[in-house]
Amino acid sequence: MSLWPKRHSDQPRDCVVIGLVVAIITVAIVPLFIIWQLGRLNNTPDWWAALDNNPVNTEQSGIELENRITTALTRVRLSEDADWNAAINQDQLNSWLTHRLKGTIHSFTGDTWIDELGEIRIALSQAGMTIGAQLRHAHGLTIVWAIIQLGTNDQGRFVVTTDRVYIGSMRVPKALASKYISNENLGDAQVDLGDGRVVFIRALRTGDRRLEFALRTELAN
C-alpha cells in the first residue's frame, strides 16, 4: 500500500515540526559547507537568481509556517489516524529559511556554524530538491549548491542521494563530492515530541514547489 495520497493542488492542512525542518536543512547544508573548501567561484546560478525579489518571502510567512506546525503537533490522533501526510510549500519554506532558520538553530541546538552562512535557498520539483548556501569569504560570496534526493531507509534514518554538486557554476565531480557526503553521519528520521509521542518520518519526496512527508505518530517506547 502506498504511503502517499494522490497528488493535489490544494494547500496542505498539516506540517512537520520545526525540529524536523532543522534536521532536514542540516542534513542538506552541512555537506555543502564542507565541499566549499574545494574552491571559490562567484558565479550566481540561474535557479538562485530566479528566487530573487519574491514578494511573498516575508517573516510573517515564516511565522505562519511555524503556526501550522504547532497546529499539526497539538492535534490528537487516534490509533486509526496514526499515519498521516504533510507538506511544506516552497515559498513558505524559503521565507522560514530567510527569516527564522538561524534563530531557530540557535534556540534548539546552540550551534553557531550557521552564522557563517549568508542566504540559504531551496527550489523544489518532482525531479528533486535544489538546495544552496551563500558563503562569505575574503574574496566575496560563493554559492555552493546541489541537486539531491532526500529520503529515509528501512532503518528509519535519513538518506541523501546526490545527483549533482556545484560551486558557483562549476560542477564538482560526483566522485569527489561523494567523499564529503556520507549517509553514515545523518540522523534518525524521527522527532520526539516530548509528550510521550514520537513522529516517525516514514518517507519524504519533492513535488511541484512542495516538500511532502509521510509520517506516523506513535507512543514512545
Protein backbone atom coordinates (compact mmCIF):
# COMPACT_ATOMS: atom_id res chain seq x y z
CA MET A 1 0.00 0.00 0.00
CA SER A 2 1.35 3.40 -0.94
CA LEU A 3 2.30 5.79 1.85
CA TRP A 4 1.21 8.69 -0.32
CA PRO A 5 -2.21 10.14 -1.09
CA LYS A 6 -2.92 11.25 -4.62
CA ARG A 7 -1.17 14.49 -5.52
CA HIS A 8 -3.41 17.55 -5.42
CA SER A 9 -3.07 21.31 -5.79
CA ASP A 10 -4.84 22.31 -2.56
CA GLN A 11 -2.91 23.88 0.30
CA PRO A 12 -1.81 21.14 2.72
CA ARG A 13 -3.51 21.12 6.11
CA ASP A 14 -0.66 19.59 8.10
CA CYS A 15 3.00 20.45 8.50
CA VAL A 16 6.08 18.98 10.15
CA VAL A 17 7.69 20.07 13.41
CA ILE A 18 10.33 22.77 13.48
CA GLY A 19 12.87 20.22 14.66
CA LEU A 20 12.22 18.16 11.54
CA VAL A 21 12.82 21.16 9.28
CA VAL A 22 16.05 21.97 11.13
CA ALA A 23 17.18 18.35 10.77
CA ILE A 24 16.47 18.31 7.04
CA ILE A 25 18.24 21.61 6.39
CA THR A 26 21.22 20.48 8.48
CA VAL A 27 21.38 17.19 6.57
CA ALA A 28 21.41 19.06 3.26
CA ILE A 29 23.57 22.08 4.14
CA VAL A 30 26.47 20.68 6.19
CA PRO A 31 27.94 18.64 3.29
CA LEU A 32 27.76 21.71 1.06
CA PHE A 33 29.60 23.74 3.68
CA ILE A 34 32.39 21.14 3.67
CA ILE A 35 32.54 20.96 -0.12
CA TRP A 36 33.04 24.73 -0.21
CA GLN A 37 36.63 24.06 0.84
CA LEU A 38 37.21 22.62 -2.64
CA GLY A 39 37.17 26.01 -4.33
CA ARG A 40 35.77 29.52 -4.56
CA LEU A 41 33.85 30.72 -7.58
CA ASN A 42 31.49 33.68 -7.52
CA ASN A 43 29.02 32.97 -10.33
CA THR A 44 25.35 33.02 -9.35
CA PRO A 45 23.33 30.05 -10.68
CA ASP A 46 20.15 30.81 -12.64
CA TRP A 47 17.81 28.95 -10.26
CA TRP A 48 19.10 31.05 -7.34
CA ALA A 49 18.61 34.32 -9.21
CA ALA A 50 15.06 33.26 -10.13
CA LEU A 51 14.14 33.38 -6.42
CA ASP A 52 15.29 36.99 -6.02
CA ASN A 53 12.77 39.67 -5.03
CA ASN A 54 9.98 37.26 -4.15
CA PRO A 55 7.24 39.47 -2.63
CA VAL A 56 5.88 36.60 -0.51
CA ASN A 57 9.26 35.97 1.14
CA THR A 58 8.39 37.67 4.41
CA GLU A 59 8.96 36.93 8.07
CA GLN A 60 5.19 36.72 8.55
CA SER A 61 5.03 33.87 6.06
CA GLY A 62 7.71 32.04 8.04
CA ILE A 63 5.79 32.62 11.27
CA GLU A 64 2.62 31.27 9.64
CA LEU A 65 4.53 28.10 8.78
CA GLU A 66 5.53 27.73 12.43
CA ASN A 67 1.90 28.23 13.48
CA ARG A 68 0.77 25.50 11.10
CA ILE A 69 3.44 23.26 12.58
CA THR A 70 2.09 23.89 16.07
CA THR A 71 -1.44 23.09 14.93
CA ALA A 72 -0.31 19.77 13.48
CA LEU A 73 1.69 18.92 16.58
CA THR A 74 -1.14 19.54 19.05
CA ARG A 75 -3.69 17.56 17.07
CA VAL A 76 -4.95 14.48 18.86
CA ARG A 77 -4.50 11.49 16.57
CA LEU A 78 -6.44 8.32 17.25
CA SER A 79 -4.82 4.98 16.51
CA GLU A 80 -6.62 4.74 13.18
CA ASP A 81 -5.18 8.15 12.26
CA ALA A 82 -1.61 7.37 13.33
CA ASP A 83 -0.42 7.53 9.71
CA TRP A 84 -0.67 10.99 8.20
CA ASN A 85 0.74 13.14 5.45
CA ALA A 86 2.03 16.69 5.45
CA ALA A 87 3.64 19.17 3.09
CA ILE A 88 5.54 22.45 3.10
CA ASN A 89 5.32 24.74 0.10
CA GLN A 90 8.44 26.26 -1.40
CA ASP A 91 7.58 29.92 -0.77
CA GLN A 92 6.86 29.40 2.93
CA LEU A 93 9.95 27.24 3.32
CA ASN A 94 12.20 29.90 1.79
CA SER A 95 10.56 32.56 3.96
CA TRP A 96 11.34 30.47 7.02
CA LEU A 97 14.90 29.85 5.85
CA THR A 98 15.46 33.58 5.27
CA HIS A 99 13.92 34.97 8.43
CA ARG A 100 13.71 32.20 11.06
CA LEU A 101 16.27 29.46 10.47
CA LYS A 102 19.29 30.95 12.24
CA GLY A 103 17.35 31.95 15.33
CA THR A 104 15.70 28.53 15.48
CA ILE A 105 19.00 26.66 15.25
CA HIS A 106 20.46 28.85 17.98
CA SER A 107 17.41 28.15 20.14
CA PHE A 108 17.21 24.41 19.56
CA THR A 109 20.86 23.40 19.32
CA GLY A 110 23.06 26.33 20.32
CA ASP A 111 25.16 25.72 17.20
CA THR A 112 26.95 28.74 15.72
CA TRP A 113 28.18 27.29 12.40
CA ILE A 114 25.01 28.61 10.77
CA ASP A 115 26.28 32.19 11.32
CA GLU A 116 28.98 31.63 8.73
CA LEU A 117 26.34 31.23 6.03
CA GLY A 118 24.58 34.00 4.16
CA GLU A 119 21.28 33.16 2.50
CA ILE A 120 20.00 29.61 2.13
CA ARG A 121 17.52 28.82 -0.66
CA ILE A 122 15.63 25.79 -1.88
CA ALA A 123 13.82 25.04 -5.14
CA LEU A 124 11.52 22.03 -5.23
CA SER A 125 10.28 19.99 -8.16
CA GLN A 126 9.34 16.39 -8.85
CA ALA A 127 12.89 15.94 -10.16
CA GLY A 128 14.37 16.62 -6.71
CA MET A 129 15.50 19.30 -4.27
CA THR A 130 17.89 22.02 -5.37
CA ILE A 131 19.47 23.49 -2.26
CA GLY A 132 22.17 26.10 -1.94
CA ALA A 133 24.00 28.17 0.64
CA GLN A 134 25.67 31.53 0.15
CA LEU A 135 29.09 31.65 1.82
CA ARG A 136 31.01 34.81 2.69
CA HIS A 137 34.78 34.88 2.43
CA ALA A 138 37.64 37.30 1.89
CA HIS A 139 37.19 37.26 -1.87
CA GLY A 140 33.42 37.83 -1.95
CA LEU A 141 30.44 35.50 -1.96
CA THR A 142 30.21 31.92 -3.19
CA ILE A 143 27.06 29.88 -3.71
CA VAL A 144 27.54 26.17 -3.11
CA TRP A 145 24.57 24.13 -4.27
CA ALA A 146 23.42 20.66 -5.13
CA ILE A 147 20.55 18.73 -6.64
CA ILE A 148 19.68 15.93 -4.24
CA GLN A 149 17.11 13.27 -3.46
CA LEU A 150 16.28 13.19 0.25
CA GLY A 151 14.56 10.21 1.80
CA THR A 152 14.59 7.59 4.55
CA ASN A 153 15.71 3.97 4.67
CA ASP A 154 14.39 0.78 6.26
CA GLN A 155 16.38 1.52 9.41
CA GLY A 156 14.47 4.77 9.93
CA ARG A 157 17.35 7.09 9.09
CA PHE A 158 17.72 9.96 6.63
CA VAL A 159 19.46 9.18 3.36
CA VAL A 160 20.68 11.58 0.68
CA THR A 161 21.37 10.72 -2.94
CA THR A 162 23.40 13.44 -4.62
CA ASP A 163 22.67 13.99 -8.30
CA ARG A 164 24.93 16.99 -8.92
CA VAL A 165 27.05 19.42 -6.87
CA TYR A 166 28.24 22.87 -7.95
CA ILE A 167 30.40 25.68 -6.64
CA GLY A 168 29.08 28.76 -8.41
CA SER A 169 28.66 27.49 -11.95
CA MET A 170 31.46 24.92 -11.72
CA ARG A 171 30.28 21.35 -11.39
CA VAL A 172 32.12 19.30 -8.79
CA PRO A 173 32.89 15.72 -9.94
CA LYS A 174 30.43 13.41 -8.24
CA ALA A 175 33.18 11.00 -7.18
CA LEU A 176 34.97 13.85 -5.40
CA ALA A 177 31.78 15.18 -3.79
CA SER A 178 30.86 11.72 -2.52
CA LYS A 179 33.95 11.75 -0.31
CA TYR A 180 32.36 14.58 1.67
CA ILE A 181 28.74 13.42 1.65
CA SER A 182 28.11 10.28 3.68
CA ASN A 183 24.81 8.85 4.86
CA GLU A 184 26.66 7.43 7.87
CA ASN A 185 26.58 10.84 9.58
CA LEU A 186 22.88 11.53 9.04
CA GLY A 187 20.44 11.28 11.92
CA ASP A 188 17.36 9.26 12.69
CA ALA A 189 14.26 10.24 10.75
CA GLN A 190 12.11 10.86 13.80
CA VAL A 191 11.16 13.62 16.20
CA ASP A 192 10.45 13.15 19.89
CA LEU A 193 7.57 15.49 20.74
CA GLY A 194 8.42 15.44 24.42
CA ASP A 195 4.89 14.49 25.48
CA GLY A 196 5.21 10.72 25.23
CA ARG A 197 4.83 10.62 21.45
CA VAL A 198 7.30 10.25 18.61
CA VAL A 199 6.76 11.23 14.98
CA PHE A 200 8.49 8.89 12.54
CA ILE A 201 9.25 10.22 9.05
CA ARG A 202 8.43 7.15 7.00
CA ALA A 203 9.13 8.77 3.63
CA LEU A 204 9.62 12.14 2.01
CA ARG A 205 9.62 13.37 -1.55
CA THR A 206 9.62 16.57 -3.55
CA GLY A 207 6.64 17.65 -5.60
CA ASP A 208 5.86 20.74 -7.65
CA ARG A 209 7.15 23.53 -5.38
CA ARG A 210 6.48 21.45 -2.26
CA LEU A 211 8.17 19.03 0.10
CA GLU A 212 5.90 16.15 1.07
CA PHE A 213 6.09 13.82 4.07
CA ALA A 214 4.53 10.51 5.06
CA LEU A 215 4.57 10.27 8.87
CA ARG A 216 3.42 8.10 11.72
CA THR A 217 2.77 9.20 15.30
CA GLU A 218 3.38 6.57 17.97
CA LEU A 219 3.80 6.40 21.73
CA ALA A 220 7.45 6.43 22.76
CA ASN A 221 8.84 3.11 23.99
